[in-house]
Amino acid sequence: MSTEAPSGRDVYTSRFNRILAVIIWALALFMTGSLLFVAPGLRLLYLFPAAFVALFAWEALWSPRVEVDDSGVRLRNVLRTVFVPWAALIHVDTKYSLTLYTPGHRYAAWAAPAPGRASSYRATKSRSGNSGSRAPLDGDAARPGDLLGTESGEAAYLVRSRWDRLRERGAFETGVADTTKVTVTTHWATAVALIVLAAGSVVAILVG
């Protein structure tokens, strides 16, 4: 699912993952309410597993996204965010997921996995009849994960099309990928919160 922000930033998120997150939150809320009804004396302890599930679903399913703007590509993954400037990017692949390559490194997008075996088979069968249904490639053979309509293909289209346009306009310097810095930011606060809530959940289960 892709959207375009007023600033010209394209954002891709996984519709399936976000639906799954809402389902998990609803189930967690229901289970917490049921446990509170059965054992109201332990209600504070039951907040730990509920909060853990809610935060985990947020971090692993709702928050991951791919953001593309004129400065580069930002991958908001589980527990870390990677920013790849256009000048550092040398290759885009979709074998297992949308993956950005820089000299000596590769960064996969959690929000844009490649299609599974069954989806790959259907996508491969339909490719020959619809050559315009895949993301523009940077000189490589098309993969099932490149097809529009798949999560990796939709995200790859946003990256490749913006990369091509900017490169044609000379909007960024080329040939400097080796010296262009990629920024990786770890979500330490979220990691600590998950550890604390997981520990509290274990205590709640043992006491309960």
N, C-alpha and C. Protein backbone atom coordinates (compact mmCIF):
# COMPACT_ATOMS: atom_id res chain seq x y z
N MET A 1 0.86 -1.18 0.00
CA MET A 1 0.00 0.00 0.00
C MET A 1 0.89 1.23 0.00
N SER A 2 0.83 2.02 -1.06
CA SER A 2 1.69 3.20 -1.16
C SER A 2 0.86 4.47 -1.12
N THR A 3 1.44 5.48 -0.52
CA THR A 3 0.81 6.80 -0.46
C THR A 3 1.86 7.85 -0.78
N GLU A 4 1.41 9.03 -1.18
CA GLU A 4 2.34 10.11 -1.47
C GLU A 4 2.05 11.27 -0.53
N ALA A 5 3.04 11.64 0.24
CA ALA A 5 2.90 12.75 1.18
C ALA A 5 2.95 14.07 0.42
N PRO A 6 2.37 15.14 1.00
CA PRO A 6 2.40 16.44 0.36
C PRO A 6 3.82 16.91 0.03
N SER A 7 4.81 16.45 0.80
CA SER A 7 6.19 16.86 0.59
C SER A 7 6.83 16.18 -0.62
N GLY A 8 6.11 15.30 -1.29
CA GLY A 8 6.68 14.56 -2.40
C GLY A 8 7.30 13.25 -1.98
N ARG A 9 7.13 12.87 -0.75
CA ARG A 9 7.66 11.60 -0.25
C ARG A 9 6.65 10.49 -0.50
N ASP A 10 7.13 9.41 -1.12
CA ASP A 10 6.31 8.23 -1.32
C ASP A 10 6.54 7.27 -0.16
N VAL A 11 5.45 6.73 0.38
CA VAL A 11 5.54 5.83 1.53
C VAL A 11 4.84 4.52 1.19
N TYR A 12 5.56 3.41 1.39
CA TYR A 12 4.95 2.10 1.17
C TYR A 12 4.86 1.35 2.50
N THR A 13 3.67 0.81 2.80
CA THR A 13 3.46 -0.02 3.97
C THR A 13 2.75 -1.29 3.54
N SER A 14 2.90 -2.34 4.33
CA SER A 14 2.27 -3.61 4.01
C SER A 14 0.83 -3.62 4.53
N ARG A 15 -0.12 -3.68 3.61
CA ARG A 15 -1.52 -3.73 4.00
C ARG A 15 -1.82 -4.98 4.83
N PHE A 16 -1.25 -6.12 4.41
CA PHE A 16 -1.48 -7.38 5.12
C PHE A 16 -0.97 -7.29 6.56
N ASN A 17 0.25 -6.77 6.73
CA ASN A 17 0.82 -6.67 8.08
C ASN A 17 -0.01 -5.77 8.97
N ARG A 18 -0.53 -4.69 8.41
CA ARG A 18 -1.31 -3.76 9.23
C ARG A 18 -2.66 -4.37 9.62
N ILE A 19 -3.26 -5.12 8.72
CA ILE A 19 -4.50 -5.82 9.07
C ILE A 19 -4.22 -6.84 10.18
N LEU A 20 -3.09 -7.57 10.04
CA LEU A 20 -2.71 -8.55 11.06
C LEU A 20 -2.47 -7.87 12.40
N ALA A 21 -1.87 -6.69 12.39
CA ALA A 21 -1.63 -5.96 13.64
C ALA A 21 -2.94 -5.61 14.33
N VAL A 22 -3.93 -5.15 13.56
CA VAL A 22 -5.23 -4.81 14.15
C VAL A 22 -5.89 -6.04 14.75
N ILE A 23 -5.79 -7.18 14.06
CA ILE A 23 -6.37 -8.43 14.57
C ILE A 23 -5.69 -8.82 15.89
N ILE A 24 -4.36 -8.72 15.92
CA ILE A 24 -3.62 -9.07 17.14
C ILE A 24 -4.00 -8.15 18.28
N TRP A 25 -4.13 -6.85 18.01
CA TRP A 25 -4.52 -5.92 19.06
C TRP A 25 -5.91 -6.24 19.59
N ALA A 26 -6.82 -6.61 18.71
CA ALA A 26 -8.18 -6.94 19.13
C ALA A 26 -8.17 -8.20 19.99
N LEU A 27 -7.40 -9.22 19.58
CA LEU A 27 -7.32 -10.46 20.36
C LEU A 27 -6.67 -10.21 21.72
N ALA A 28 -5.62 -9.38 21.73
CA ALA A 28 -4.94 -9.08 23.00
C ALA A 28 -5.89 -8.36 23.95
N LEU A 29 -6.66 -7.44 23.41
CA LEU A 29 -7.62 -6.71 24.24
C LEU A 29 -8.69 -7.65 24.80
N PHE A 30 -9.17 -8.55 23.96
CA PHE A 30 -10.19 -9.50 24.40
C PHE A 30 -9.64 -10.43 25.48
N MET A 31 -8.44 -10.97 25.25
CA MET A 31 -7.85 -11.90 26.22
C MET A 31 -7.55 -11.20 27.54
N THR A 32 -7.08 -9.96 27.46
CA THR A 32 -6.80 -9.22 28.69
C THR A 32 -8.07 -8.96 29.48
N GLY A 33 -9.13 -8.57 28.77
CA GLY A 33 -10.41 -8.36 29.45
C GLY A 33 -10.93 -9.62 30.10
N SER A 34 -10.76 -10.75 29.42
CA SER A 34 -11.22 -12.03 29.97
C SER A 34 -10.43 -12.40 31.22
N LEU A 35 -9.10 -12.21 31.18
CA LEU A 35 -8.28 -12.54 32.33
C LEU A 35 -8.59 -11.64 33.52
N LEU A 36 -8.84 -10.38 33.24
CA LEU A 36 -9.18 -9.46 34.33
C LEU A 36 -10.49 -9.86 35.00
N PHE A 37 -11.40 -10.38 34.21
CA PHE A 37 -12.69 -10.81 34.75
C PHE A 37 -12.53 -12.05 35.62
N VAL A 38 -11.64 -12.97 35.18
CA VAL A 38 -11.44 -14.22 35.92
C VAL A 38 -10.65 -13.98 37.20
N ALA A 39 -9.60 -13.16 37.10
CA ALA A 39 -8.74 -12.92 38.27
C ALA A 39 -8.49 -11.43 38.44
N PRO A 40 -9.46 -10.70 38.93
CA PRO A 40 -9.30 -9.24 39.04
C PRO A 40 -8.19 -8.82 39.98
N GLY A 41 -7.80 -9.68 40.92
CA GLY A 41 -6.75 -9.31 41.86
C GLY A 41 -5.39 -9.17 41.22
N LEU A 42 -5.22 -9.77 40.05
CA LEU A 42 -3.92 -9.72 39.37
C LEU A 42 -3.97 -8.81 38.16
N ARG A 43 -4.89 -7.89 38.12
CA ARG A 43 -5.11 -7.10 36.91
C ARG A 43 -3.90 -6.30 36.47
N LEU A 44 -3.10 -5.81 37.44
CA LEU A 44 -1.93 -5.02 37.06
C LEU A 44 -0.89 -5.89 36.35
N LEU A 45 -0.72 -7.13 36.80
CA LEU A 45 0.24 -8.03 36.17
C LEU A 45 -0.16 -8.33 34.73
N TYR A 46 -1.43 -8.43 34.48
CA TYR A 46 -1.89 -8.78 33.12
C TYR A 46 -1.68 -7.64 32.13
N LEU A 47 -1.37 -6.46 32.63
CA LEU A 47 -1.08 -5.37 31.73
C LEU A 47 0.25 -5.58 31.00
N PHE A 48 1.15 -6.34 31.61
CA PHE A 48 2.46 -6.57 30.99
C PHE A 48 2.35 -7.36 29.69
N PRO A 49 1.72 -8.55 29.69
CA PRO A 49 1.62 -9.26 28.40
C PRO A 49 0.80 -8.50 27.37
N ALA A 50 -0.23 -7.79 27.82
CA ALA A 50 -1.04 -7.02 26.88
C ALA A 50 -0.22 -5.92 26.23
N ALA A 51 0.56 -5.21 27.06
CA ALA A 51 1.41 -4.14 26.54
C ALA A 51 2.51 -4.70 25.64
N PHE A 52 3.05 -5.87 25.99
CA PHE A 52 4.09 -6.47 25.17
C PHE A 52 3.56 -6.82 23.78
N VAL A 53 2.40 -7.47 23.75
CA VAL A 53 1.81 -7.85 22.46
C VAL A 53 1.49 -6.62 21.63
N ALA A 54 0.94 -5.59 22.29
CA ALA A 54 0.59 -4.37 21.57
C ALA A 54 1.82 -3.69 20.98
N LEU A 55 2.89 -3.59 21.78
CA LEU A 55 4.11 -2.94 21.30
C LEU A 55 4.79 -3.77 20.22
N PHE A 56 4.80 -5.08 20.39
CA PHE A 56 5.42 -5.95 19.38
C PHE A 56 4.69 -5.84 18.04
N ALA A 57 3.37 -5.84 18.09
CA ALA A 57 2.60 -5.71 16.85
C ALA A 57 2.85 -4.36 16.19
N TRP A 58 2.99 -3.32 16.99
CA TRP A 58 3.30 -2.00 16.45
C TRP A 58 4.66 -1.99 15.76
N GLU A 59 5.66 -2.53 16.45
CA GLU A 59 7.03 -2.46 15.94
C GLU A 59 7.26 -3.39 14.76
N ALA A 60 6.67 -4.59 14.79
CA ALA A 60 6.95 -5.58 13.75
C ALA A 60 5.97 -5.56 12.59
N LEU A 61 4.75 -5.06 12.81
CA LEU A 61 3.72 -5.16 11.78
C LEU A 61 3.21 -3.80 11.29
N TRP A 62 2.99 -2.86 12.19
CA TRP A 62 2.38 -1.59 11.79
C TRP A 62 3.43 -0.56 11.32
N SER A 63 4.51 -0.41 12.06
CA SER A 63 5.47 0.66 11.79
C SER A 63 6.37 0.44 10.57
N PRO A 64 6.79 -0.78 10.25
CA PRO A 64 7.72 -0.94 9.11
C PRO A 64 7.18 -0.34 7.82
N ARG A 65 8.03 0.37 7.10
CA ARG A 65 7.62 1.02 5.86
C ARG A 65 8.86 1.37 5.03
N VAL A 66 8.60 1.73 3.79
CA VAL A 66 9.64 2.21 2.89
C VAL A 66 9.28 3.63 2.50
N GLU A 67 10.17 4.57 2.76
CA GLU A 67 9.94 5.97 2.43
C GLU A 67 10.93 6.40 1.35
N VAL A 68 10.42 7.01 0.30
CA VAL A 68 11.26 7.42 -0.83
C VAL A 68 11.04 8.91 -1.09
N ASP A 69 12.11 9.68 -1.08
CA ASP A 69 12.02 11.09 -1.44
C ASP A 69 13.27 11.47 -2.22
N ASP A 70 13.43 12.74 -2.49
CA ASP A 70 14.54 13.19 -3.33
C ASP A 70 15.90 13.06 -2.66
N SER A 71 15.92 12.81 -1.36
CA SER A 71 17.21 12.66 -0.67
C SER A 71 17.68 11.21 -0.62
N GLY A 72 16.76 10.26 -0.72
CA GLY A 72 17.15 8.87 -0.67
C GLY A 72 16.00 7.97 -0.23
N VAL A 73 16.35 6.78 0.25
CA VAL A 73 15.36 5.77 0.67
C VAL A 73 15.55 5.50 2.15
N ARG A 74 14.45 5.50 2.88
CA ARG A 74 14.48 5.20 4.31
C ARG A 74 13.70 3.93 4.56
N LEU A 75 14.37 2.92 5.12
CA LEU A 75 13.73 1.66 5.47
C LEU A 75 13.47 1.66 6.97
N ARG A 76 12.20 1.70 7.33
CA ARG A 76 11.84 1.65 8.75
C ARG A 76 11.56 0.18 9.04
N ASN A 77 12.55 -0.52 9.63
CA ASN A 77 12.45 -1.94 9.90
C ASN A 77 12.19 -2.19 11.39
N VAL A 78 12.21 -3.46 11.77
CA VAL A 78 12.03 -3.83 13.17
C VAL A 78 13.28 -3.43 13.95
N LEU A 79 13.12 -2.53 14.88
CA LEU A 79 14.15 -2.08 15.81
C LEU A 79 15.27 -1.27 15.18
N ARG A 80 15.18 -0.93 13.88
CA ARG A 80 16.17 -0.02 13.33
C ARG A 80 15.66 0.63 12.06
N THR A 81 16.18 1.80 11.78
CA THR A 81 15.84 2.53 10.56
C THR A 81 17.13 2.77 9.78
N VAL A 82 17.07 2.48 8.48
CA VAL A 82 18.23 2.63 7.60
C VAL A 82 17.92 3.71 6.56
N PHE A 83 18.81 4.68 6.43
CA PHE A 83 18.65 5.70 5.40
C PHE A 83 19.77 5.56 4.38
N VAL A 84 19.38 5.31 3.12
CA VAL A 84 20.33 5.13 2.03
C VAL A 84 20.21 6.32 1.08
N PRO A 85 21.20 7.22 1.05
CA PRO A 85 21.16 8.31 0.07
C PRO A 85 21.27 7.75 -1.35
N TRP A 86 20.72 8.48 -2.29
CA TRP A 86 20.77 8.01 -3.68
C TRP A 86 22.20 7.81 -4.15
N ALA A 87 23.10 8.64 -3.73
CA ALA A 87 24.49 8.53 -4.17
C ALA A 87 25.17 7.26 -3.69
N ALA A 88 24.62 6.63 -2.62
CA ALA A 88 25.20 5.40 -2.08
C ALA A 88 24.61 4.15 -2.70
N LEU A 89 23.48 4.28 -3.38
CA LEU A 89 22.77 3.12 -3.91
C LEU A 89 23.41 2.63 -5.21
N ILE A 90 23.64 1.31 -5.32
CA ILE A 90 24.23 0.76 -6.54
C ILE A 90 23.35 -0.32 -7.17
N HIS A 91 22.39 -0.87 -6.43
CA HIS A 91 21.57 -1.96 -6.98
C HIS A 91 20.32 -2.14 -6.13
N VAL A 92 19.23 -2.53 -6.78
CA VAL A 92 17.97 -2.81 -6.09
C VAL A 92 17.53 -4.21 -6.49
N ASP A 93 17.24 -5.05 -5.51
CA ASP A 93 16.87 -6.44 -5.80
C ASP A 93 15.59 -6.80 -5.05
N THR A 94 14.92 -7.86 -5.53
CA THR A 94 13.66 -8.30 -4.89
C THR A 94 13.62 -9.81 -4.72
N LYS A 95 14.78 -10.47 -4.63
CA LYS A 95 14.79 -11.94 -4.56
C LYS A 95 14.03 -12.44 -3.35
N TYR A 96 14.34 -11.92 -2.18
CA TYR A 96 13.67 -12.34 -0.95
C TYR A 96 12.79 -11.23 -0.39
N SER A 97 13.18 -10.02 -0.63
CA SER A 97 12.42 -8.84 -0.24
C SER A 97 13.06 -7.67 -0.99
N LEU A 98 12.44 -6.51 -0.92
CA LEU A 98 13.10 -5.34 -1.46
C LEU A 98 14.43 -5.17 -0.72
N THR A 99 15.52 -5.18 -1.46
CA THR A 99 16.84 -5.09 -0.85
C THR A 99 17.66 -4.04 -1.57
N LEU A 100 18.21 -3.11 -0.80
CA LEU A 100 19.04 -2.05 -1.34
C LEU A 100 20.51 -2.40 -1.13
N TYR A 101 21.28 -2.31 -2.21
CA TYR A 101 22.71 -2.63 -2.15
C TYR A 101 23.54 -1.36 -2.21
N THR A 102 24.53 -1.30 -1.32
CA THR A 102 25.55 -0.27 -1.34
C THR A 102 26.89 -1.01 -1.35
N PRO A 103 28.00 -0.34 -1.62
CA PRO A 103 29.28 -1.04 -1.64
C PRO A 103 29.55 -1.79 -0.34
N GLY A 104 29.57 -3.11 -0.39
CA GLY A 104 29.88 -3.93 0.77
C GLY A 104 28.73 -4.20 1.72
N HIS A 105 27.53 -3.66 1.45
CA HIS A 105 26.40 -3.87 2.36
C HIS A 105 25.10 -4.05 1.57
N ARG A 106 24.15 -4.66 2.23
CA ARG A 106 22.80 -4.75 1.67
C ARG A 106 21.80 -4.58 2.81
N TYR A 107 20.67 -3.96 2.48
CA TYR A 107 19.67 -3.63 3.50
C TYR A 107 18.30 -4.06 2.98
N ALA A 108 17.68 -4.99 3.69
CA ALA A 108 16.37 -5.51 3.29
C ALA A 108 15.25 -4.74 3.95
N ALA A 109 14.14 -4.61 3.25
CA ALA A 109 12.97 -3.90 3.78
C ALA A 109 12.00 -4.91 4.39
N TRP A 110 11.76 -4.78 5.67
CA TRP A 110 10.84 -5.68 6.37
C TRP A 110 9.42 -5.54 5.82
N ALA A 111 9.06 -4.35 5.37
CA ALA A 111 7.69 -4.08 4.92
C ALA A 111 7.42 -4.57 3.51
N ALA A 112 8.45 -5.05 2.80
CA ALA A 112 8.26 -5.40 1.39
C ALA A 112 8.88 -6.76 1.06
N PRO A 113 8.34 -7.86 1.60
CA PRO A 113 8.86 -9.19 1.27
C PRO A 113 8.47 -9.60 -0.15
N ALA A 114 9.27 -10.48 -0.74
CA ALA A 114 8.93 -11.03 -2.04
C ALA A 114 7.76 -11.99 -1.89
N PRO A 115 7.00 -12.26 -2.95
CA PRO A 115 5.86 -13.17 -2.86
C PRO A 115 6.30 -14.60 -2.57
N GLY A 116 5.41 -15.38 -1.95
CA GLY A 116 5.70 -16.78 -1.66
C GLY A 116 5.71 -17.64 -2.91
N ARG A 117 5.91 -18.95 -2.73
CA ARG A 117 6.04 -19.85 -3.87
C ARG A 117 4.80 -19.85 -4.75
N ALA A 118 3.63 -19.94 -4.14
CA ALA A 118 2.40 -19.97 -4.94
C ALA A 118 2.20 -18.65 -5.67
N SER A 119 2.42 -17.56 -4.97
CA SER A 119 2.28 -16.24 -5.60
C SER A 119 3.31 -16.05 -6.70
N SER A 120 4.52 -16.56 -6.46
CA SER A 120 5.57 -16.45 -7.48
C SER A 120 5.19 -17.21 -8.74
N TYR A 121 4.60 -18.38 -8.56
CA TYR A 121 4.20 -19.19 -9.72
C TYR A 121 3.13 -18.46 -10.54
N ARG A 122 2.14 -17.89 -9.84
CA ARG A 122 1.09 -17.17 -10.56
C ARG A 122 1.65 -15.92 -11.23
N ALA A 123 2.56 -15.24 -10.52
CA ALA A 123 3.14 -14.02 -11.10
C ALA A 123 3.99 -14.34 -12.32
N THR A 124 4.72 -15.44 -12.26
CA THR A 124 5.56 -15.84 -13.40
C THR A 124 4.70 -16.20 -14.60
N LYS A 125 3.58 -16.90 -14.36
CA LYS A 125 2.68 -17.29 -15.46
C LYS A 125 2.08 -16.07 -16.13
N SER A 126 1.79 -15.03 -15.36
CA SER A 126 1.11 -13.86 -15.93
C SER A 126 2.08 -12.84 -16.52
N ARG A 127 3.38 -13.00 -16.25
CA ARG A 127 4.34 -12.00 -16.68
C ARG A 127 4.40 -11.86 -18.20
N SER A 128 4.38 -13.00 -18.90
CA SER A 128 4.53 -12.95 -20.35
C SER A 128 3.37 -12.24 -21.03
N GLY A 129 2.20 -12.24 -20.39
CA GLY A 129 1.04 -11.61 -21.01
C GLY A 129 0.85 -10.17 -20.62
N ASN A 130 1.70 -9.68 -19.69
CA ASN A 130 1.53 -8.30 -19.24
C ASN A 130 2.89 -7.74 -18.89
N SER A 131 3.65 -7.36 -19.91
CA SER A 131 5.03 -6.91 -19.70
C SER A 131 5.10 -5.60 -18.95
N GLY A 132 4.00 -4.85 -18.89
CA GLY A 132 4.03 -3.57 -18.18
C GLY A 132 3.67 -3.69 -16.73
N SER A 133 3.56 -4.93 -16.23
CA SER A 133 3.11 -5.11 -14.86
C SER A 133 4.25 -5.27 -13.88
N ARG A 134 5.46 -4.96 -14.28
CA ARG A 134 6.58 -5.07 -13.35
C ARG A 134 7.29 -3.74 -13.20
N ALA A 135 7.97 -3.62 -12.10
CA ALA A 135 8.69 -2.39 -11.83
C ALA A 135 9.84 -2.24 -12.81
N PRO A 136 10.17 -1.02 -13.22
CA PRO A 136 11.31 -0.83 -14.11
C PRO A 136 12.58 -1.32 -13.45
N LEU A 137 13.40 -2.05 -14.21
CA LEU A 137 14.58 -2.68 -13.64
C LEU A 137 15.84 -1.91 -13.98
N ASP A 138 16.86 -2.03 -13.13
CA ASP A 138 18.13 -1.38 -13.38
C ASP A 138 19.08 -2.37 -14.06
N GLY A 139 18.65 -2.93 -15.20
CA GLY A 139 19.52 -3.77 -16.00
C GLY A 139 19.53 -5.23 -15.63
N ASP A 140 18.60 -5.71 -14.82
CA ASP A 140 18.60 -7.10 -14.39
C ASP A 140 17.37 -7.82 -14.92
N ALA A 141 17.46 -9.16 -14.93
CA ALA A 141 16.31 -9.97 -15.33
C ALA A 141 15.22 -9.83 -14.29
N ALA A 142 13.98 -9.82 -14.75
CA ALA A 142 12.85 -9.62 -13.84
C ALA A 142 12.65 -10.85 -12.97
N ARG A 143 12.27 -10.62 -11.73
CA ARG A 143 11.92 -11.68 -10.79
C ARG A 143 10.42 -11.57 -10.52
N PRO A 144 9.82 -12.65 -10.00
CA PRO A 144 8.43 -12.54 -9.57
C PRO A 144 8.22 -11.41 -8.57
N GLY A 145 9.23 -11.16 -7.74
CA GLY A 145 9.14 -10.09 -6.75
C GLY A 145 9.17 -8.70 -7.34
N ASP A 146 9.47 -8.60 -8.66
CA ASP A 146 9.46 -7.29 -9.32
C ASP A 146 8.08 -6.89 -9.81
N LEU A 147 7.14 -7.83 -9.85
CA LEU A 147 5.84 -7.55 -10.43
C LEU A 147 5.03 -6.61 -9.55
N LEU A 148 4.42 -5.63 -10.19
CA LEU A 148 3.50 -4.75 -9.46
C LEU A 148 2.32 -5.59 -8.97
N GLY A 149 1.84 -5.26 -7.80
CA GLY A 149 0.80 -6.07 -7.18
C GLY A 149 1.36 -6.94 -6.08
N THR A 150 2.69 -7.13 -6.09
CA THR A 150 3.36 -7.80 -4.96
C THR A 150 3.96 -6.73 -4.07
N GLU A 151 4.19 -7.07 -2.80
CA GLU A 151 4.71 -6.07 -1.87
C GLU A 151 6.10 -5.59 -2.27
N SER A 152 6.96 -6.54 -2.64
CA SER A 152 8.31 -6.15 -3.04
C SER A 152 8.29 -5.37 -4.35
N GLY A 153 7.42 -5.77 -5.28
CA GLY A 153 7.34 -5.09 -6.56
C GLY A 153 6.84 -3.66 -6.45
N GLU A 154 5.83 -3.45 -5.62
CA GLU A 154 5.30 -2.09 -5.44
C GLU A 154 6.36 -1.17 -4.83
N ALA A 155 7.05 -1.68 -3.80
CA ALA A 155 8.09 -0.87 -3.16
C ALA A 155 9.26 -0.64 -4.10
N ALA A 156 9.64 -1.67 -4.86
CA ALA A 156 10.74 -1.53 -5.81
C ALA A 156 10.42 -0.50 -6.88
N TYR A 157 9.17 -0.45 -7.30
CA TYR A 157 8.77 0.54 -8.30
C TYR A 157 8.98 1.95 -7.78
N LEU A 158 8.59 2.20 -6.52
CA LEU A 158 8.78 3.52 -5.94
C LEU A 158 10.26 3.91 -5.91
N VAL A 159 11.11 2.94 -5.53
CA VAL A 159 12.54 3.22 -5.43
C VAL A 159 13.15 3.42 -6.81
N ARG A 160 12.92 2.48 -7.70
CA ARG A 160 13.58 2.52 -9.01
C ARG A 160 13.12 3.71 -9.86
N SER A 161 11.83 3.99 -9.84
CA SER A 161 11.34 5.09 -10.67
C SER A 161 11.89 6.42 -10.19
N ARG A 162 11.94 6.64 -8.86
CA ARG A 162 12.49 7.89 -8.33
C ARG A 162 14.00 7.95 -8.59
N TRP A 163 14.69 6.84 -8.41
CA TRP A 163 16.14 6.77 -8.65
C TRP A 163 16.47 7.12 -10.10
N ASP A 164 15.70 6.54 -11.03
CA ASP A 164 15.94 6.81 -12.45
C ASP A 164 15.70 8.28 -12.79
N ARG A 165 14.59 8.84 -12.29
CA ARG A 165 14.28 10.24 -12.60
C ARG A 165 15.36 11.18 -12.08
N LEU A 166 15.78 10.97 -10.86
CA LEU A 166 16.79 11.84 -10.27
C LEU A 166 18.14 11.67 -10.96
N ARG A 167 18.46 10.44 -11.33
CA ARG A 167 19.74 10.20 -11.99
C ARG A 167 19.77 10.86 -13.37
N GLU A 168 18.65 10.79 -14.08
CA GLU A 168 18.58 11.42 -15.40
C GLU A 168 18.71 12.94 -15.31
N ARG A 169 18.19 13.52 -14.23
CA ARG A 169 18.27 14.97 -14.04
C ARG A 169 19.60 15.42 -13.46
N GLY A 170 20.42 14.45 -13.08
CA GLY A 170 21.69 14.80 -12.44
C GLY A 170 21.49 15.39 -11.07
N ALA A 171 20.45 14.92 -10.36
CA ALA A 171 20.11 15.50 -9.06
C ALA A 171 21.05 15.07 -7.95
N PHE A 172 21.85 14.03 -8.17
CA PHE A 172 22.81 13.61 -7.16
C PHE A 172 24.10 13.19 -7.86
N GLU A 173 25.17 13.23 -7.12
CA GLU A 173 26.48 12.91 -7.68
C GLU A 173 26.62 11.40 -7.83
N THR A 174 27.12 10.96 -8.96
CA THR A 174 27.35 9.54 -9.20
C THR A 174 28.83 9.21 -9.05
N GLY A 175 29.11 7.92 -8.87
CA GLY A 175 30.49 7.48 -8.74
C GLY A 175 31.09 7.70 -7.37
N VAL A 176 30.25 8.05 -6.39
CA VAL A 176 30.77 8.31 -5.04
C VAL A 176 30.12 7.38 -4.01
N ALA A 177 29.59 6.24 -4.48
CA ALA A 177 28.90 5.33 -3.57
C ALA A 177 29.81 4.83 -2.45
N ASP A 178 31.10 4.64 -2.76
CA ASP A 178 32.04 4.12 -1.76
C ASP A 178 32.25 5.08 -0.60
N THR A 179 32.06 6.35 -0.85
CA THR A 179 32.33 7.35 0.19
C THR A 179 31.07 8.01 0.75
N THR A 180 29.91 7.57 0.28
CA THR A 180 28.64 8.14 0.76
C THR A 180 28.15 7.34 1.95
N LYS A 181 27.85 8.02 3.03
CA LYS A 181 27.49 7.36 4.28
C LYS A 181 26.02 6.92 4.31
N VAL A 182 25.81 5.70 4.75
CA VAL A 182 24.47 5.17 5.02
C VAL A 182 24.23 5.27 6.52
N THR A 183 23.09 5.81 6.92
CA THR A 183 22.79 6.01 8.34
C THR A 183 21.89 4.90 8.87
N VAL A 184 22.34 4.25 9.93
CA VAL A 184 21.56 3.19 10.58
C VAL A 184 21.26 3.63 12.01
N THR A 185 19.98 3.73 12.34
CA THR A 185 19.56 4.17 13.68
C THR A 185 18.84 3.02 14.38
N THR A 186 19.34 2.62 15.53
CA THR A 186 18.71 1.55 16.31
C THR A 186 17.68 2.15 17.25
N HIS A 187 16.53 1.50 17.35
CA HIS A 187 15.45 1.97 18.23
C HIS A 187 15.67 1.41 19.64
N TRP A 188 16.64 1.98 20.32
CA TRP A 188 17.02 1.43 21.62
C TRP A 188 15.89 1.51 22.64
N ALA A 189 15.16 2.59 22.66
CA ALA A 189 14.09 2.75 23.65
C ALA A 189 13.03 1.66 23.47
N THR A 190 12.69 1.39 22.21
CA THR A 190 11.70 0.33 21.95
C THR A 190 12.23 -1.03 22.34
N ALA A 191 13.52 -1.28 22.05
CA ALA A 191 14.12 -2.57 22.40
C ALA A 191 14.09 -2.79 23.91
N VAL A 192 14.45 -1.75 24.66
CA VAL A 192 14.44 -1.87 26.12
C VAL A 192 13.01 -2.08 26.63
N ALA A 193 12.06 -1.36 26.06
CA ALA A 193 10.67 -1.52 26.48
C ALA A 193 10.17 -2.93 26.22
N LEU A 194 10.54 -3.51 25.08
CA LEU A 194 10.13 -4.88 24.77
C LEU A 194 10.73 -5.87 25.76
N ILE A 195 11.99 -5.66 26.13
CA ILE A 195 12.64 -6.57 27.09
C ILE A 195 11.96 -6.48 28.45
N VAL A 196 11.69 -5.27 28.89
CA VAL A 196 11.04 -5.08 30.19
C VAL A 196 9.64 -5.69 30.19
N LEU A 197 8.89 -5.45 29.14
CA LEU A 197 7.53 -5.99 29.07
C LEU A 197 7.54 -7.50 28.94
N ALA A 198 8.53 -8.05 28.23
CA ALA A 198 8.64 -9.51 28.11
C ALA A 198 8.93 -10.13 29.48
N ALA A 199 9.83 -9.50 30.23
CA ALA A 199 10.13 -10.00 31.58
C ALA A 199 8.90 -9.92 32.47
N GLY A 200 8.20 -8.81 32.40
CA GLY A 200 6.96 -8.67 33.18
C GLY A 200 5.92 -9.68 32.78
N SER A 201 5.86 -10.02 31.50
CA SER A 201 4.90 -11.02 31.02
C SER A 201 5.21 -12.39 31.59
N VAL A 202 6.51 -12.73 31.65
CA VAL A 202 6.90 -14.02 32.23
C VAL A 202 6.50 -14.10 33.69
N VAL A 203 6.74 -13.02 34.42
CA VAL A 203 6.34 -12.98 35.84
C VAL A 203 4.83 -13.13 35.97
N ALA A 204 4.08 -12.43 35.11
CA ALA A 204 2.62 -12.51 35.18
C ALA A 204 2.14 -13.92 34.92
N ILE A 205 2.78 -14.61 33.95
CA ILE A 205 2.36 -15.99 33.64
C ILE A 205 2.69 -16.93 34.79
N LEU A 206 3.87 -16.76 35.39
CA LEU A 206 4.27 -17.64 36.49
C LEU A 206 3.39 -17.41 37.72
N VAL A 207 3.11 -16.16 38.02
CA VAL A 207 2.29 -15.85 39.20
C VAL A 207 0.85 -16.27 38.96
N GLY A 208 0.38 -16.02 37.72
CA GLY A 208 -1.02 -16.35 37.42
C GLY A 208 -1.27 -17.83 37.35
